[in-house]
All heavy atoms as atom14 arrays in JSON, in Angstrom:
{
  "sequence": "NGLTNMITPTSGTLLAYLATAKINWFDWAKFVFPLFVIFAGLA",
  "atom14_mask": [
    [1, 1, 1, 1, 1, 1, 1, 1, 0, 0, 0, 0, 0, 0],
    [1, 1, 1, 1, 0, 0, 0, 0, 0, 0, 0, 0, 0, 0],
    [1, 1, 1, 1, 1, 1, 1, 1, 0, 0, 0, 0, 0, 0],
    [1, 1, 1, 1, 1, 1, 1, 0, 0, 0, 0, 0, 0, 0],
    [1, 1, 1, 1, 1, 1, 1, 1, 0, 0, 0, 0, 0, 0],
    [1, 1, 1, 1, 1, 1, 1, 1, 0, 0, 0, 0, 0, 0],
    [1, 1, 1, 1, 1, 1, 1, 1, 0, 0, 0, 0, 0, 0],
    [1, 1, 1, 1, 1, 1, 1, 0, 0, 0, 0, 0, 0, 0],
    [1, 1, 1, 1, 1, 1, 1, 0, 0, 0, 0, 0, 0, 0],
    [1, 1, 1, 1, 1, 1, 1, 0, 0, 0, 0, 0, 0, 0],
    [1, 1, 1, 1, 1, 1, 0, 0, 0, 0, 0, 0, 0, 0],
    [1, 1, 1, 1, 0, 0, 0, 0, 0, 0, 0, 0, 0, 0],
    [1, 1, 1, 1, 1, 1, 1, 0, 0, 0, 0, 0, 0, 0],
    [1, 1, 1, 1, 1, 1, 1, 1, 0, 0, 0, 0, 0, 0],
    [1, 1, 1, 1, 1, 1, 1, 1, 0, 0, 0, 0, 0, 0],
    [1, 1, 1, 1, 1, 0, 0, 0, 0, 0, 0, 0, 0, 0],
    [1, 1, 1, 1, 1, 1, 1, 1, 1, 1, 1, 1, 0, 0],
    [1, 1, 1, 1, 1, 1, 1, 1, 0, 0, 0, 0, 0, 0],
    [1, 1, 1, 1, 1, 0, 0, 0, 0, 0, 0, 0, 0, 0],
    [1, 1, 1, 1, 1, 1, 1, 0, 0, 0, 0, 0, 0, 0],
    [1, 1, 1, 1, 1, 0, 0, 0, 0, 0, 0, 0, 0, 0],
    [1, 1, 1, 1, 1, 1, 1, 1, 1, 0, 0, 0, 0, 0],
    [1, 1, 1, 1, 1, 1, 1, 1, 0, 0, 0, 0, 0, 0],
    [1, 1, 1, 1, 1, 1, 1, 1, 0, 0, 0, 0, 0, 0],
    [1, 1, 1, 1, 1, 1, 1, 1, 1, 1, 1, 1, 1, 1],
    [1, 1, 1, 1, 1, 1, 1, 1, 1, 1, 1, 0, 0, 0],
    [1, 1, 1, 1, 1, 1, 1, 1, 0, 0, 0, 0, 0, 0],
    [1, 1, 1, 1, 1, 1, 1, 1, 1, 1, 1, 1, 1, 1],
    [1, 1, 1, 1, 1, 0, 0, 0, 0, 0, 0, 0, 0, 0],
    [1, 1, 1, 1, 1, 1, 1, 1, 1, 0, 0, 0, 0, 0],
    [1, 1, 1, 1, 1, 1, 1, 1, 1, 1, 1, 0, 0, 0],
    [1, 1, 1, 1, 1, 1, 1, 0, 0, 0, 0, 0, 0, 0],
    [1, 1, 1, 1, 1, 1, 1, 1, 1, 1, 1, 0, 0, 0],
    [1, 1, 1, 1, 1, 1, 1, 0, 0, 0, 0, 0, 0, 0],
    [1, 1, 1, 1, 1, 1, 1, 1, 0, 0, 0, 0, 0, 0],
    [1, 1, 1, 1, 1, 1, 1, 1, 1, 1, 1, 0, 0, 0],
    [1, 1, 1, 1, 1, 1, 1, 0, 0, 0, 0, 0, 0, 0],
    [1, 1, 1, 1, 1, 1, 1, 1, 0, 0, 0, 0, 0, 0],
    [1, 1, 1, 1, 1, 1, 1, 1, 1, 1, 1, 0, 0, 0],
    [1, 1, 1, 1, 1, 0, 0, 0, 0, 0, 0, 0, 0, 0],
    [1, 1, 1, 1, 0, 0, 0, 0, 0, 0, 0, 0, 0, 0],
    [1, 1, 1, 1, 1, 1, 1, 1, 0, 0, 0, 0, 0, 0],
    [1, 1, 1, 1, 1, 0, 0, 0, 0, 0, 0, 0, 0, 0]
  ],
  "atom14_positions": [
    [[7.01, 5.16, -7.13], [6.02, 6.23, -7.03], [5.2, 6.34, -8.31], [3.98, 6.48, -8.27], [6.72, 7.56, -6.74], [5.75, 8.68, -6.56], [4.71, 8.52, -5.95], [6.08, 9.83, -7.11], [0.0, 0.0, 0.0], [0.0, 0.0, 0.0], [0.0, 0.0, 0.0], [0.0, 0.0, 0.0], [0.0, 0.0, 0.0], [0.0, 0.0, 0.0]],
    [[5.84, 6.27, -9.44], [5.13, 6.41, -10.71], [4.15, 5.28, -10.97], [3.05, 5.51, -11.47], [0.0, 0.0, 0.0], [0.0, 0.0, 0.0], [0.0, 0.0, 0.0], [0.0, 0.0, 0.0], [0.0, 0.0, 0.0], [0.0, 0.0, 0.0], [0.0, 0.0, 0.0], [0.0, 0.0, 0.0], [0.0, 0.0, 0.0], [0.0, 0.0, 0.0]],
    [[4.56, 4.07, -10.64], [3.66, 2.94, -10.88], [2.41, 2.98, -10.02], [1.31, 2.74, -10.51], [4.41, 1.62, -10.64], [5.3, 1.15, -11.77], [6.02, -0.12, -11.37], [4.51, 0.94, -13.02], [0.0, 0.0, 0.0], [0.0, 0.0, 0.0], [0.0, 0.0, 0.0], [0.0, 0.0, 0.0], [0.0, 0.0, 0.0], [0.0, 0.0, 0.0]],
    [[2.59, 3.28, -8.76], [1.42, 3.25, -7.9], [0.49, 4.43, -8.14], [-0.68, 4.37, -7.77], [1.83, 3.2, -6.41], [2.77, 4.23, -6.16], [2.39, 1.86, -6.05], [0.0, 0.0, 0.0], [0.0, 0.0, 0.0], [0.0, 0.0, 0.0], [0.0, 0.0, 0.0], [0.0, 0.0, 0.0], [0.0, 0.0, 0.0], [0.0, 0.0, 0.0]],
    [[0.99, 5.49, -8.77], [0.11, 6.63, -9.08], [-1.01, 6.24, -10.04], [-2.03, 6.9, -10.09], [0.91, 7.79, -9.66], [1.62, 8.57, -8.59], [1.3, 8.48, -7.42], [2.61, 9.34, -9.0], [0.0, 0.0, 0.0], [0.0, 0.0, 0.0], [0.0, 0.0, 0.0], [0.0, 0.0, 0.0], [0.0, 0.0, 0.0], [0.0, 0.0, 0.0]],
    [[-0.82, 5.18, -10.81], [-1.87, 4.8, -11.75], [-2.89, 3.82, -11.17], [-3.85, 3.48, -11.83], [-1.26, 4.21, -13.03], [-0.61, 2.88, -12.9], [0.09, 2.42, -14.49], [0.27, 0.68, -14.29], [0.0, 0.0, 0.0], [0.0, 0.0, 0.0], [0.0, 0.0, 0.0], [0.0, 0.0, 0.0], [0.0, 0.0, 0.0], [0.0, 0.0, 0.0]],
    [[-2.7, 3.42, -9.9], [-3.64, 2.45, -9.33], [-4.04, 2.75, -7.88], [-5.05, 2.24, -7.41], [-3.05, 1.02, -9.44], [-4.14, -0.02, -9.32], [-1.93, 0.8, -8.43], [-3.73, -1.4, -9.69], [0.0, 0.0, 0.0], [0.0, 0.0, 0.0], [0.0, 0.0, 0.0], [0.0, 0.0, 0.0], [0.0, 0.0, 0.0], [0.0, 0.0, 0.0]],
    [[-3.3, 3.58, -7.18], [-3.57, 3.78, -5.75], [-4.92, 4.46, -5.5], [-5.24, 5.47, -6.11], [-2.43, 4.56, -5.08], [-2.69, 4.65, -3.69], [-2.28, 5.95, -5.65], [0.0, 0.0, 0.0], [0.0, 0.0, 0.0], [0.0, 0.0, 0.0], [0.0, 0.0, 0.0], [0.0, 0.0, 0.0], [0.0, 0.0, 0.0], [0.0, 0.0, 0.0]],
    [[-5.71, 3.91, -4.6], [-7.02, 4.49, -4.33], [-6.95, 5.74, -3.45], [-7.96, 6.39, -3.23], [-7.77, 3.37, -3.6], [-6.7, 2.56, -2.96], [-5.51, 2.65, -3.89], [0.0, 0.0, 0.0], [0.0, 0.0, 0.0], [0.0, 0.0, 0.0], [0.0, 0.0, 0.0], [0.0, 0.0, 0.0], [0.0, 0.0, 0.0], [0.0, 0.0, 0.0]],
    [[-5.79, 6.09, -2.94], [-5.66, 7.28, -2.1], [-5.18, 8.5, -2.9], [-4.97, 9.56, -2.31], [-4.68, 7.02, -0.94], [-3.43, 6.59, -1.47], [-5.24, 5.97, 0.0], [0.0, 0.0, 0.0], [0.0, 0.0, 0.0], [0.0, 0.0, 0.0], [0.0, 0.0, 0.0], [0.0, 0.0, 0.0], [0.0, 0.0, 0.0], [0.0, 0.0, 0.0]],
    [[-5.01, 8.36, -4.19], [-4.56, 9.47, -5.03], [-5.76, 10.32, -5.44], [-6.64, 9.87, -6.17], [-3.86, 8.93, -6.28], [-3.6, 9.99, -7.19], [0.0, 0.0, 0.0], [0.0, 0.0, 0.0], [0.0, 0.0, 0.0], [0.0, 0.0, 0.0], [0.0, 0.0, 0.0], [0.0, 0.0, 0.0], [0.0, 0.0, 0.0], [0.0, 0.0, 0.0]],
    [[-5.77, 11.55, -4.98], [-6.87, 12.45, -5.31], [-6.97, 12.73, -6.79], [-8.06, 12.83, -7.36], [0.0, 0.0, 0.0], [0.0, 0.0, 0.0], [0.0, 0.0, 0.0], [0.0, 0.0, 0.0], [0.0, 0.0, 0.0], [0.0, 0.0, 0.0], [0.0, 0.0, 0.0], [0.0, 0.0, 0.0], [0.0, 0.0, 0.0], [0.0, 0.0, 0.0]],
    [[-5.82, 12.85, -7.44], [-5.81, 13.12, -8.88], [-6.42, 11.97, -9.66], [-7.25, 12.18, -10.54], [-4.37, 13.39, -9.35], [-3.8, 14.41, -8.55], [-4.34, 13.8, -10.8], [0.0, 0.0, 0.0], [0.0, 0.0, 0.0], [0.0, 0.0, 0.0], [0.0, 0.0, 0.0], [0.0, 0.0, 0.0], [0.0, 0.0, 0.0], [0.0, 0.0, 0.0]],
    [[-5.99, 10.75, -9.34], [-6.54, 9.59, -10.04], [-8.05, 9.48, -9.83], [-8.79, 9.26, -10.79], [-5.85, 8.3, -9.57], [-6.44, 7.0, -10.13], [-6.24, 6.92, -11.64], [-5.82, 5.8, -9.44], [0.0, 0.0, 0.0], [0.0, 0.0, 0.0], [0.0, 0.0, 0.0], [0.0, 0.0, 0.0], [0.0, 0.0, 0.0], [0.0, 0.0, 0.0]],
    [[-8.49, 9.68, -8.6], [-9.92, 9.58, -8.32], [-10.71, 10.69, -9.03], [-11.83, 10.46, -9.49], [-10.17, 9.61, -6.82], [-9.62, 8.41, -6.05], [-9.91, 8.55, -4.56], [-10.18, 7.11, -6.59], [0.0, 0.0, 0.0], [0.0, 0.0, 0.0], [0.0, 0.0, 0.0], [0.0, 0.0, 0.0], [0.0, 0.0, 0.0], [0.0, 0.0, 0.0]],
    [[-10.12, 11.87, -9.15], [-10.79, 12.96, -9.88], [-10.91, 12.61, -11.36], [-11.95, 12.85, -11.97], [-10.02, 14.26, -9.69], [0.0, 0.0, 0.0], [0.0, 0.0, 0.0], [0.0, 0.0, 0.0], [0.0, 0.0, 0.0], [0.0, 0.0, 0.0], [0.0, 0.0, 0.0], [0.0, 0.0, 0.0], [0.0, 0.0, 0.0], [0.0, 0.0, 0.0]],
    [[-9.83, 12.05, -11.92], [-9.89, 11.65, -13.34], [-10.94, 10.56, -13.56], [-11.7, 10.6, -14.53], [-8.53, 11.15, -13.82], [-7.47, 12.2, -13.91], [-6.13, 11.86, -13.81], [-7.77, 13.55, -14.12], [-5.14, 12.82, -13.91], [-6.79, 14.5, -14.21], [-5.48, 14.14, -14.1], [-4.5, 15.09, -14.2], [0.0, 0.0, 0.0], [0.0, 0.0, 0.0]],
    [[-10.97, 9.59, -12.66], [-11.94, 8.5, -12.8], [-13.36, 9.01, -12.61], [-14.28, 8.56, -13.31], [-11.62, 7.39, -11.8], [-10.33, 6.61, -12.05], [-10.09, 5.6, -10.94], [-10.33, 5.95, -13.39], [0.0, 0.0, 0.0], [0.0, 0.0, 0.0], [0.0, 0.0, 0.0], [0.0, 0.0, 0.0], [0.0, 0.0, 0.0], [0.0, 0.0, 0.0]],
    [[-13.56, 9.94, -11.69], [-14.9, 10.49, -11.49], [-15.35, 11.29, -12.71], [-16.51, 11.22, -13.11], [-14.92, 11.38, -10.24], [0.0, 0.0, 0.0], [0.0, 0.0, 0.0], [0.0, 0.0, 0.0], [0.0, 0.0, 0.0], [0.0, 0.0, 0.0], [0.0, 0.0, 0.0], [0.0, 0.0, 0.0], [0.0, 0.0, 0.0], [0.0, 0.0, 0.0]],
    [[-14.42, 12.02, -13.31], [-14.76, 12.8, -14.5], [-15.16, 11.87, -15.65], [-16.08, 12.16, -16.41], [-13.56, 13.67, -14.92], [-13.23, 14.54, -13.83], [-13.89, 14.5, -16.15], [0.0, 0.0, 0.0], [0.0, 0.0, 0.0], [0.0, 0.0, 0.0], [0.0, 0.0, 0.0], [0.0, 0.0, 0.0], [0.0, 0.0, 0.0], [0.0, 0.0, 0.0]],
    [[-14.47, 10.75, -15.76], [-14.76, 9.79, -16.82], [-15.9, 8.83, -16.45], [-16.26, 7.98, -17.25], [-13.5, 8.99, -17.16], [0.0, 0.0, 0.0], [0.0, 0.0, 0.0], [0.0, 0.0, 0.0], [0.0, 0.0, 0.0], [0.0, 0.0, 0.0], [0.0, 0.0, 0.0], [0.0, 0.0, 0.0], [0.0, 0.0, 0.0], [0.0, 0.0, 0.0]],
    [[-16.39, 8.97, -15.22], [-17.48, 8.1, -14.71], [-17.08, 6.62, -14.74], [-17.83, 5.76, -15.2], [-18.76, 8.33, -15.48], [-19.31, 9.72, -15.3], [-20.63, 9.9, -16.02], [-21.2, 11.24, -15.69], [-21.03, 12.26, -16.68], [0.0, 0.0, 0.0], [0.0, 0.0, 0.0], [0.0, 0.0, 0.0], [0.0, 0.0, 0.0], [0.0, 0.0, 0.0]],
    [[-15.87, 6.37, -14.25], [-15.34, 5.01, -14.17], [-15.16, 4.66, -12.7], [-14.55, 5.41, -11.94], [-14.0, 4.88, -14.92], [-14.19, 5.18, -16.4], [-13.39, 3.5, -14.72], [-12.9, 5.26, -17.18], [0.0, 0.0, 0.0], [0.0, 0.0, 0.0], [0.0, 0.0, 0.0], [0.0, 0.0, 0.0], [0.0, 0.0, 0.0], [0.0, 0.0, 0.0]],
    [[-15.66, 3.54, -12.29], [-15.51, 3.03, -10.94], [-14.05, 2.63, -10.72], [-13.4, 2.06, -11.59], [-16.43, 1.81, -10.75], [-16.45, 1.31, -9.35], [-15.64, 1.68, -8.51], [-17.4, 0.44, -9.08], [0.0, 0.0, 0.0], [0.0, 0.0, 0.0], [0.0, 0.0, 0.0], [0.0, 0.0, 0.0], [0.0, 0.0, 0.0], [0.0, 0.0, 0.0]],
    [[-13.52, 2.9, -9.49], [-12.12, 2.57, -9.23], [-11.87, 1.07, -9.34], [-10.83, 0.64, -9.83], [-11.7, 3.06, -7.84], [-10.26, 2.74, -7.58], [-9.18, 3.47, -7.98], [-9.74, 1.58, -6.93], [-8.01, 2.83, -7.61], [-8.33, 1.67, -6.96], [-10.33, 0.47, -6.33], [-7.52, 0.7, -6.41], [-9.5, -0.49, -5.79], [-8.11, -0.37, -5.82]],
    [[-12.82, 0.25, -8.9], [-12.63, -1.2, -8.97], [-12.55, -1.67, -10.43], [-11.75, -2.54, -10.75], [-13.76, -1.93, -8.23], [-13.71, -1.72, -6.76], [-14.61, -0.88, -6.13], [-12.73, -2.34, -5.99], [-14.55, -0.67, -4.76], [-12.66, -2.14, -4.62], [-13.57, -1.3, -4.01], [0.0, 0.0, 0.0], [0.0, 0.0, 0.0], [0.0, 0.0, 0.0]],
    [[-13.36, -1.08, -11.3], [-13.26, -1.42, -12.72], [-11.92, -0.98, -13.29], [-11.3, -1.7, -14.08], [-14.4, -0.75, -13.51], [-15.76, -1.29, -13.12], [-15.83, -2.44, -12.63], [-16.76, -0.55, -13.3], [0.0, 0.0, 0.0], [0.0, 0.0, 0.0], [0.0, 0.0, 0.0], [0.0, 0.0, 0.0], [0.0, 0.0, 0.0], [0.0, 0.0, 0.0]],
    [[-11.47, 0.19, -12.89], [-10.17, 0.7, -13.36], [-9.04, -0.2, -12.86], [-8.14, -0.55, -13.63], [-9.95, 2.13, -12.87], [-8.57, 2.62, -13.1], [-7.59, 2.81, -12.18], [-7.99, 2.98, -14.37], [-6.45, 3.26, -12.78], [-6.67, 3.38, -14.12], [-8.46, 3.01, -15.67], [-5.81, 3.8, -15.13], [-7.6, 3.42, -16.67], [-6.31, 3.81, -16.4]],
    [[-9.08, -0.58, -11.59], [-8.02, -1.42, -11.04], [-7.97, -2.78, -11.74], [-6.9, -3.29, -12.04], [-8.24, -1.6, -9.53], [0.0, 0.0, 0.0], [0.0, 0.0, 0.0], [0.0, 0.0, 0.0], [0.0, 0.0, 0.0], [0.0, 0.0, 0.0], [0.0, 0.0, 0.0], [0.0, 0.0, 0.0], [0.0, 0.0, 0.0], [0.0, 0.0, 0.0]],
    [[-9.14, -3.34, -12.01], [-9.19, -4.62, -12.71], [-8.62, -4.49, -14.13], [-7.94, -5.37, -14.62], [-10.64, -5.11, -12.77], [-10.79, -6.56, -13.1], [-12.21, -7.1, -12.94], [-13.29, -6.06, -12.94], [-14.64, -6.63, -12.93], [0.0, 0.0, 0.0], [0.0, 0.0, 0.0], [0.0, 0.0, 0.0], [0.0, 0.0, 0.0], [0.0, 0.0, 0.0]],
    [[-8.89, -3.37, -14.77], [-8.4, -3.13, -16.12], [-6.9, -2.88, -16.17], [-6.19, -3.4, -17.03], [-9.15, -1.91, -16.72], [-8.6, -1.44, -18.03], [-8.88, -2.14, -19.19], [-7.81, -0.31, -18.1], [-8.38, -1.7, -20.41], [-7.31, 0.13, -19.3], [-7.59, -0.56, -20.46], [0.0, 0.0, 0.0], [0.0, 0.0, 0.0], [0.0, 0.0, 0.0]],
    [[-6.37, -2.09, -15.23], [-4.98, -1.65, -15.31], [-4.01, -2.58, -14.57], [-2.81, -2.5, -14.77], [-4.87, -0.19, -14.79], [-4.81, -0.13, -13.29], [-3.68, 0.51, -15.4], [0.0, 0.0, 0.0], [0.0, 0.0, 0.0], [0.0, 0.0, 0.0], [0.0, 0.0, 0.0], [0.0, 0.0, 0.0], [0.0, 0.0, 0.0], [0.0, 0.0, 0.0]],
    [[-4.51, -3.51, -13.74], [-3.62, -4.36, -12.95], [-2.66, -5.2, -13.79], [-1.48, -5.29, -13.45], [-4.42, -5.25, -11.99], [-3.55, -5.97, -11.02], [-2.94, -5.29, -9.97], [-3.29, -7.33, -11.15], [-2.11, -5.94, -9.08], [-2.47, -8.0, -10.26], [-1.88, -7.3, -9.23], [0.0, 0.0, 0.0], [0.0, 0.0, 0.0], [0.0, 0.0, 0.0]],
    [[-3.09, -5.82, -14.9], [-2.11, -6.56, -15.7], [-0.98, -5.67, -16.24], [0.19, -6.07, -16.23], [-2.93, -7.14, -16.85], [-4.32, -7.21, -16.32], [-4.45, -6.04, -15.41], [0.0, 0.0, 0.0], [0.0, 0.0, 0.0], [0.0, 0.0, 0.0], [0.0, 0.0, 0.0], [0.0, 0.0, 0.0], [0.0, 0.0, 0.0], [0.0, 0.0, 0.0]],
    [[-1.3, -4.46, -16.64], [-0.29, -3.52, -17.09], [0.63, -3.11, -15.94], [1.85, -2.99, -16.1], [-0.94, -2.29, -17.7], [-0.02, -1.25, -18.31], [0.76, -1.84, -19.47], [-0.82, -0.04, -18.76], [0.0, 0.0, 0.0], [0.0, 0.0, 0.0], [0.0, 0.0, 0.0], [0.0, 0.0, 0.0], [0.0, 0.0, 0.0], [0.0, 0.0, 0.0]],
    [[0.05, -2.95, -14.75], [0.82, -2.63, -13.55], [1.86, -3.71, -13.27], [3.01, -3.42, -12.96], [-0.13, -2.46, -12.37], [0.55, -2.17, -11.06], [0.94, -0.9, -10.74], [0.79, -3.19, -10.16], [1.57, -0.63, -9.53], [1.4, -2.95, -8.96], [1.8, -1.65, -8.64], [0.0, 0.0, 0.0], [0.0, 0.0, 0.0], [0.0, 0.0, 0.0]],
    [[1.45, -4.97, -13.38], [2.36, -6.1, -13.12], [3.49, -6.12, -14.16], [4.65, -6.34, -13.82], [1.58, -7.43, -13.09], [2.52, -8.62, -13.05], [0.62, -7.46, -11.92], [0.0, 0.0, 0.0], [0.0, 0.0, 0.0], [0.0, 0.0, 0.0], [0.0, 0.0, 0.0], [0.0, 0.0, 0.0], [0.0, 0.0, 0.0], [0.0, 0.0, 0.0]],
    [[3.15, -5.87, -15.42], [4.16, -5.84, -16.48], [5.15, -4.71, -16.22], [6.38, -4.91, -16.3], [3.5, -5.69, -17.87], [2.74, -6.96, -18.22], [4.54, -5.37, -18.94], [1.83, -6.81, -19.44], [0.0, 0.0, 0.0], [0.0, 0.0, 0.0], [0.0, 0.0, 0.0], [0.0, 0.0, 0.0], [0.0, 0.0, 0.0], [0.0, 0.0, 0.0]],
    [[4.64, -3.53, -15.89], [5.53, -2.39, -15.62], [6.4, -2.64, -14.39], [7.56, -2.25, -14.35], [4.72, -1.12, -15.43], [4.21, -0.51, -16.71], [3.23, 0.45, -16.68], [4.72, -0.89, -17.95], [2.76, 1.03, -17.85], [4.25, -0.33, -19.12], [3.28, 0.63, -19.06], [0.0, 0.0, 0.0], [0.0, 0.0, 0.0], [0.0, 0.0, 0.0]],
    [[5.85, -3.29, -13.36], [6.64, -3.6, -12.17], [7.77, -4.57, -12.51], [8.9, -4.42, -12.05], [5.75, -4.17, -11.08], [0.0, 0.0, 0.0], [0.0, 0.0, 0.0], [0.0, 0.0, 0.0], [0.0, 0.0, 0.0], [0.0, 0.0, 0.0], [0.0, 0.0, 0.0], [0.0, 0.0, 0.0], [0.0, 0.0, 0.0], [0.0, 0.0, 0.0]],
    [[7.47, -5.56, -13.33], [8.52, -6.49, -13.77], [9.6, -5.78, -14.57], [10.8, -6.03, -14.37], [0.0, 0.0, 0.0], [0.0, 0.0, 0.0], [0.0, 0.0, 0.0], [0.0, 0.0, 0.0], [0.0, 0.0, 0.0], [0.0, 0.0, 0.0], [0.0, 0.0, 0.0], [0.0, 0.0, 0.0], [0.0, 0.0, 0.0], [0.0, 0.0, 0.0]],
    [[9.2, -4.89, -15.46], [10.18, -4.11, -16.23], [11.01, -3.21, -15.32], [12.21, -3.05, -15.53], [9.47, -3.28, -17.3], [8.91, -4.04, -18.48], [8.08, -3.11, -19.36], [10.03, -4.69, -19.28], [0.0, 0.0, 0.0], [0.0, 0.0, 0.0], [0.0, 0.0, 0.0], [0.0, 0.0, 0.0], [0.0, 0.0, 0.0], [0.0, 0.0, 0.0]],
    [[10.38, -2.63, -14.31], [11.12, -1.78, -13.38], [12.16, -2.59, -12.62], [13.3, -2.13, -12.43], [10.15, -1.11, -12.4], [0.0, 0.0, 0.0], [0.0, 0.0, 0.0], [0.0, 0.0, 0.0], [0.0, 0.0, 0.0], [0.0, 0.0, 0.0], [0.0, 0.0, 0.0], [0.0, 0.0, 0.0], [0.0, 0.0, 0.0], [0.0, 0.0, 0.0]]
  ]
}
C-alpha cells in the first residue's frame, strides 16, 4: 500500500499534490519509477 501510494494514478491525494506543484503525472511516474523499483526490491 505504501509503495503504490507514491505512483498510483488513482490516488486523489497524489494527484492533488502534483497539480499543486504543476507536475504532470507522466513526468512524475518517469522520475519516481526507479526509486519505486528499488523500494519494491527492499520490501
